[in-house]
Structures are given as C-alpha cells and as structure tokens.
Amino acid sequence: MEALKIVSRERTERLAWLSKIELKDKEKEEITLQLNRILEAFKTLDELDLSGVEPTFHVVEMVNVFREDQVRESLSQKDALSNASKAKDGFFVAPKIV
C-alpha cells in the first residue's frame, strides 16, 4: 500500500537539519516514506465516531493519595550523616559537578 504524500522530502530534510542528523539520500527517501505511512495510519482515527467519548489525560484513572501532615521530630545531623560515604563539617561531601 502506497502512503499519501503528506510529508515531502524537503520536510524530511528540514526535520533532519533541526535534529542535527545527517542523512544519506536513500535514508531521506526511506524516512519520508515511513513518516507518510505513520501519518496515514493516524488518519484512520479520523474515521472513528468519538462523539460519546470524553477526553482523557490518562488511560488509567489516577487518584492521588495524600496523608495529613504530621509534625514529627526530624533526624539529628549526626543520624542524617551516619551513612554518608563522605562528610565534612556537618555536611555531605559530593563530587564537584560543573
């Protein structure tokens, strides 16, 4: 089945340039064909009657479970640093990240 020409070769070249991907001529043709096939497959969704379907953000209904905040005693500095591989002057020592 030949896909419709929704994405042109020029559009594929532009997408490759924006993505900083170097493509050979054969790869450009293959990707253009693949993108058109993908978009053609999505066109089948336009044929569905979704008038009674409510929009959703998640396919699985999600419910957040919150607990009440409770004021409790926190860890002491000594306990917090007890498992640290390196500590100095009461602080965690971590490698420098630049």
N, C-alpha and C. Protein backbone atom coordinates (compact mmCIF):
# COMPACT_ATOMS: atom_id res chain seq x y z
N MET A 1 0.85 -1.18 0.00
CA MET A 1 0.00 0.00 0.00
C MET A 1 0.89 1.24 0.00
N GLU A 2 0.72 2.09 -0.95
CA GLU A 2 1.50 3.32 -1.06
C GLU A 2 0.85 4.40 -0.20
N ALA A 3 1.66 5.02 0.65
CA ALA A 3 1.16 6.07 1.53
C ALA A 3 1.00 7.37 0.75
N LEU A 4 0.07 8.20 1.20
CA LEU A 4 -0.11 9.51 0.60
C LEU A 4 1.12 10.37 0.87
N LYS A 5 1.34 11.36 0.04
CA LYS A 5 2.48 12.26 0.21
C LYS A 5 2.08 13.42 1.12
N ILE A 6 2.09 13.18 2.41
CA ILE A 6 1.79 14.22 3.38
C ILE A 6 3.08 14.95 3.75
N VAL A 7 4.16 14.17 3.92
CA VAL A 7 5.47 14.72 4.25
C VAL A 7 6.32 14.69 2.99
N SER A 8 6.86 15.82 2.62
CA SER A 8 7.70 15.90 1.43
C SER A 8 9.15 15.60 1.80
N ARG A 9 9.95 15.36 0.79
CA ARG A 9 11.38 15.12 1.02
C ARG A 9 12.01 16.37 1.64
N GLU A 10 11.56 17.54 1.22
CA GLU A 10 12.09 18.78 1.77
C GLU A 10 11.77 18.89 3.26
N ARG A 11 10.58 18.45 3.65
CA ARG A 11 10.20 18.48 5.07
C ARG A 11 11.08 17.52 5.86
N THR A 12 11.36 16.36 5.29
CA THR A 12 12.24 15.40 5.95
C THR A 12 13.64 15.98 6.11
N GLU A 13 14.13 16.65 5.08
CA GLU A 13 15.45 17.28 5.16
C GLU A 13 15.47 18.36 6.23
N ARG A 14 14.39 19.12 6.33
CA ARG A 14 14.30 20.17 7.36
C ARG A 14 14.28 19.55 8.76
N LEU A 15 13.51 18.47 8.93
CA LEU A 15 13.46 17.79 10.23
C LEU A 15 14.83 17.23 10.60
N ALA A 16 15.53 16.67 9.63
CA ALA A 16 16.87 16.14 9.88
C ALA A 16 17.81 17.27 10.28
N TRP A 17 17.71 18.41 9.59
CA TRP A 17 18.56 19.55 9.91
C TRP A 17 18.28 20.06 11.32
N LEU A 18 16.99 20.18 11.68
CA LEU A 18 16.62 20.63 13.02
C LEU A 18 17.08 19.66 14.09
N SER A 19 17.08 18.37 13.75
CA SER A 19 17.51 17.33 14.69
C SER A 19 19.01 17.13 14.68
N LYS A 20 19.69 17.85 13.79
CA LYS A 20 21.13 17.72 13.63
C LYS A 20 21.53 16.28 13.29
N ILE A 21 20.77 15.69 12.37
CA ILE A 21 21.03 14.33 11.90
C ILE A 21 21.42 14.41 10.44
N GLU A 22 22.53 13.77 10.11
CA GLU A 22 22.94 13.72 8.71
C GLU A 22 22.36 12.46 8.08
N LEU A 23 21.65 12.64 6.98
CA LEU A 23 21.02 11.52 6.28
C LEU A 23 21.55 11.44 4.86
N LYS A 24 21.72 10.21 4.41
CA LYS A 24 22.07 9.98 3.01
C LYS A 24 20.78 10.07 2.19
N ASP A 25 20.92 10.19 0.87
CA ASP A 25 19.74 10.33 0.00
C ASP A 25 18.78 9.16 0.17
N LYS A 26 19.30 7.95 0.25
CA LYS A 26 18.44 6.77 0.40
C LYS A 26 17.70 6.81 1.74
N GLU A 27 18.39 7.25 2.79
CA GLU A 27 17.76 7.35 4.11
C GLU A 27 16.65 8.40 4.10
N LYS A 28 16.87 9.49 3.40
CA LYS A 28 15.84 10.53 3.31
C LYS A 28 14.58 9.99 2.66
N GLU A 29 14.75 9.21 1.60
CA GLU A 29 13.59 8.63 0.91
C GLU A 29 12.87 7.65 1.83
N GLU A 30 13.62 6.78 2.52
CA GLU A 30 13.03 5.79 3.43
C GLU A 30 12.27 6.46 4.56
N ILE A 31 12.88 7.47 5.18
CA ILE A 31 12.24 8.15 6.31
C ILE A 31 11.01 8.91 5.85
N THR A 32 11.09 9.54 4.68
CA THR A 32 9.91 10.24 4.14
C THR A 32 8.76 9.25 3.96
N LEU A 33 9.05 8.09 3.40
CA LEU A 33 8.02 7.07 3.20
C LEU A 33 7.47 6.59 4.54
N GLN A 34 8.36 6.35 5.51
CA GLN A 34 7.92 5.88 6.83
C GLN A 34 7.05 6.92 7.53
N LEU A 35 7.45 8.19 7.47
CA LEU A 35 6.64 9.24 8.10
C LEU A 35 5.26 9.32 7.47
N ASN A 36 5.21 9.20 6.16
CA ASN A 36 3.91 9.22 5.48
C ASN A 36 3.04 8.03 5.86
N ARG A 37 3.65 6.87 6.01
CA ARG A 37 2.88 5.69 6.43
C ARG A 37 2.34 5.86 7.85
N ILE A 38 3.17 6.42 8.72
CA ILE A 38 2.73 6.65 10.10
C ILE A 38 1.55 7.62 10.13
N LEU A 39 1.67 8.72 9.41
CA LEU A 39 0.58 9.70 9.38
C LEU A 39 -0.67 9.13 8.74
N GLU A 40 -0.50 8.29 7.74
CA GLU A 40 -1.65 7.63 7.10
C GLU A 40 -2.37 6.72 8.10
N ALA A 41 -1.60 6.02 8.92
CA ALA A 41 -2.20 5.15 9.94
C ALA A 41 -3.00 5.98 10.94
N PHE A 42 -2.51 7.15 11.29
CA PHE A 42 -3.24 8.00 12.22
C PHE A 42 -4.52 8.56 11.60
N LYS A 43 -4.57 8.66 10.29
CA LYS A 43 -5.78 9.16 9.64
C LYS A 43 -6.97 8.25 9.89
N THR A 44 -6.72 6.97 10.16
CA THR A 44 -7.84 6.06 10.45
C THR A 44 -8.59 6.48 11.70
N LEU A 45 -7.90 7.20 12.61
CA LEU A 45 -8.58 7.68 13.81
C LEU A 45 -9.65 8.71 13.48
N ASP A 46 -9.47 9.44 12.38
CA ASP A 46 -10.47 10.42 11.97
C ASP A 46 -11.78 9.76 11.58
N GLU A 47 -11.75 8.49 11.23
CA GLU A 47 -12.95 7.78 10.80
C GLU A 47 -13.78 7.29 11.97
N LEU A 48 -13.23 7.31 13.19
CA LEU A 48 -13.94 6.81 14.36
C LEU A 48 -14.95 7.83 14.85
N ASP A 49 -16.11 7.31 15.31
CA ASP A 49 -17.13 8.18 15.92
C ASP A 49 -16.82 8.28 17.40
N LEU A 50 -16.29 9.40 17.83
CA LEU A 50 -15.91 9.60 19.22
C LEU A 50 -16.81 10.60 19.92
N SER A 51 -18.02 10.78 19.40
CA SER A 51 -18.92 11.80 19.94
C SER A 51 -19.30 11.52 21.39
N GLY A 52 -19.39 10.26 21.81
CA GLY A 52 -19.77 9.95 23.19
C GLY A 52 -18.59 9.69 24.11
N VAL A 53 -17.39 9.89 23.64
CA VAL A 53 -16.21 9.60 24.43
C VAL A 53 -15.64 10.89 25.01
N GLU A 54 -15.48 10.91 26.31
CA GLU A 54 -14.92 12.10 26.96
C GLU A 54 -13.41 12.11 26.79
N PRO A 55 -12.83 13.29 26.62
CA PRO A 55 -11.38 13.39 26.53
C PRO A 55 -10.72 12.91 27.82
N THR A 56 -9.54 12.35 27.70
CA THR A 56 -8.83 11.86 28.87
C THR A 56 -7.36 12.24 28.79
N PHE A 57 -6.76 12.37 29.95
CA PHE A 57 -5.34 12.68 30.00
C PHE A 57 -4.53 11.43 30.31
N HIS A 58 -5.16 10.45 30.94
CA HIS A 58 -4.51 9.20 31.29
C HIS A 58 -5.42 8.05 30.90
N VAL A 59 -4.84 6.97 30.41
CA VAL A 59 -5.67 5.83 30.05
C VAL A 59 -6.10 5.06 31.28
N VAL A 60 -5.38 5.23 32.38
CA VAL A 60 -5.73 4.58 33.63
C VAL A 60 -6.16 5.67 34.60
N GLU A 61 -7.32 5.50 35.21
CA GLU A 61 -7.79 6.51 36.14
C GLU A 61 -6.82 6.61 37.31
N MET A 62 -6.38 7.83 37.58
CA MET A 62 -5.39 8.02 38.63
C MET A 62 -6.02 8.81 39.77
N VAL A 63 -5.69 8.38 40.98
CA VAL A 63 -6.15 9.08 42.18
C VAL A 63 -4.94 9.29 43.07
N ASN A 64 -4.70 10.53 43.44
CA ASN A 64 -3.60 10.81 44.36
C ASN A 64 -4.04 10.51 45.78
N VAL A 65 -3.17 9.87 46.51
CA VAL A 65 -3.46 9.56 47.90
C VAL A 65 -2.54 10.44 48.75
N PHE A 66 -3.15 11.33 49.49
CA PHE A 66 -2.38 12.22 50.33
C PHE A 66 -2.59 11.85 51.78
N ARG A 67 -1.58 12.05 52.57
CA ARG A 67 -1.72 11.84 54.00
C ARG A 67 -1.70 13.21 54.68
N GLU A 68 -2.24 13.26 55.85
CA GLU A 68 -2.20 14.50 56.61
C GLU A 68 -0.77 14.78 57.06
N ASP A 69 -0.38 16.03 57.00
CA ASP A 69 0.94 16.40 57.51
C ASP A 69 0.96 16.22 59.01
N GLN A 70 2.02 15.62 59.49
CA GLN A 70 2.18 15.43 60.92
C GLN A 70 3.54 15.98 61.33
N VAL A 71 3.53 16.80 62.35
CA VAL A 71 4.78 17.35 62.84
C VAL A 71 5.45 16.26 63.66
N ARG A 72 6.67 15.90 63.24
CA ARG A 72 7.43 14.89 63.97
C ARG A 72 8.86 15.39 64.14
N GLU A 73 9.56 14.75 65.02
CA GLU A 73 10.95 15.10 65.24
C GLU A 73 11.76 14.62 64.03
N SER A 74 12.62 15.48 63.53
CA SER A 74 13.43 15.11 62.38
C SER A 74 14.72 14.44 62.83
N LEU A 75 15.46 13.92 61.84
CA LEU A 75 16.73 13.29 62.15
C LEU A 75 17.72 14.30 62.68
N SER A 76 18.56 13.85 63.57
CA SER A 76 19.64 14.72 64.00
C SER A 76 20.68 14.78 62.89
N GLN A 77 21.52 15.79 62.94
CA GLN A 77 22.56 15.92 61.91
C GLN A 77 23.47 14.70 61.93
N LYS A 78 23.76 14.20 63.10
CA LYS A 78 24.63 13.01 63.23
C LYS A 78 23.97 11.80 62.57
N ASP A 79 22.68 11.59 62.81
CA ASP A 79 21.98 10.45 62.21
C ASP A 79 21.86 10.60 60.70
N ALA A 80 21.61 11.82 60.24
CA ALA A 80 21.47 12.05 58.80
C ALA A 80 22.78 11.76 58.08
N LEU A 81 23.90 12.06 58.69
CA LEU A 81 25.21 11.86 58.07
C LEU A 81 25.82 10.49 58.38
N SER A 82 25.12 9.67 59.17
CA SER A 82 25.71 8.41 59.61
C SER A 82 26.04 7.45 58.47
N ASN A 83 25.29 7.45 57.39
CA ASN A 83 25.56 6.54 56.26
C ASN A 83 26.24 7.24 55.08
N ALA A 84 26.62 8.49 55.25
CA ALA A 84 27.27 9.22 54.17
C ALA A 84 28.67 8.66 53.94
N SER A 85 29.01 8.48 52.67
CA SER A 85 30.36 7.97 52.38
C SER A 85 31.41 9.02 52.72
N LYS A 86 31.07 10.30 52.57
CA LYS A 86 31.97 11.39 52.94
C LYS A 86 31.17 12.52 53.55
N ALA A 87 31.68 13.03 54.65
CA ALA A 87 31.06 14.18 55.30
C ALA A 87 32.18 15.07 55.84
N LYS A 88 31.92 16.38 55.88
CA LYS A 88 32.91 17.33 56.39
C LYS A 88 32.18 18.49 57.03
N ASP A 89 32.55 18.82 58.22
CA ASP A 89 31.98 19.95 58.95
C ASP A 89 30.46 19.89 59.03
N GLY A 90 29.90 18.69 59.15
CA GLY A 90 28.46 18.52 59.30
C GLY A 90 27.68 18.56 58.00
N PHE A 91 28.35 18.44 56.85
CA PHE A 91 27.68 18.46 55.55
C PHE A 91 28.08 17.23 54.73
N PHE A 92 27.23 16.85 53.79
CA PHE A 92 27.58 15.79 52.83
C PHE A 92 28.65 16.33 51.89
N VAL A 93 29.60 15.49 51.53
CA VAL A 93 30.61 15.85 50.54
C VAL A 93 30.29 15.08 49.28
N ALA A 94 30.15 15.82 48.17
CA ALA A 94 29.82 15.21 46.88
C ALA A 94 30.83 15.70 45.85
N PRO A 95 31.01 14.94 44.76
CA PRO A 95 31.93 15.39 43.74
C PRO A 95 31.45 16.68 43.09
N LYS A 96 32.40 17.51 42.70
CA LYS A 96 32.10 18.77 42.05
C LYS A 96 31.55 18.50 40.66
N ILE A 97 30.44 19.14 40.32
CA ILE A 97 29.81 18.98 39.02
C ILE A 97 29.76 20.34 38.36
N VAL A 98 30.38 20.44 37.22
CA VAL A 98 30.41 21.73 36.52
C VAL A 98 29.77 21.58 35.17
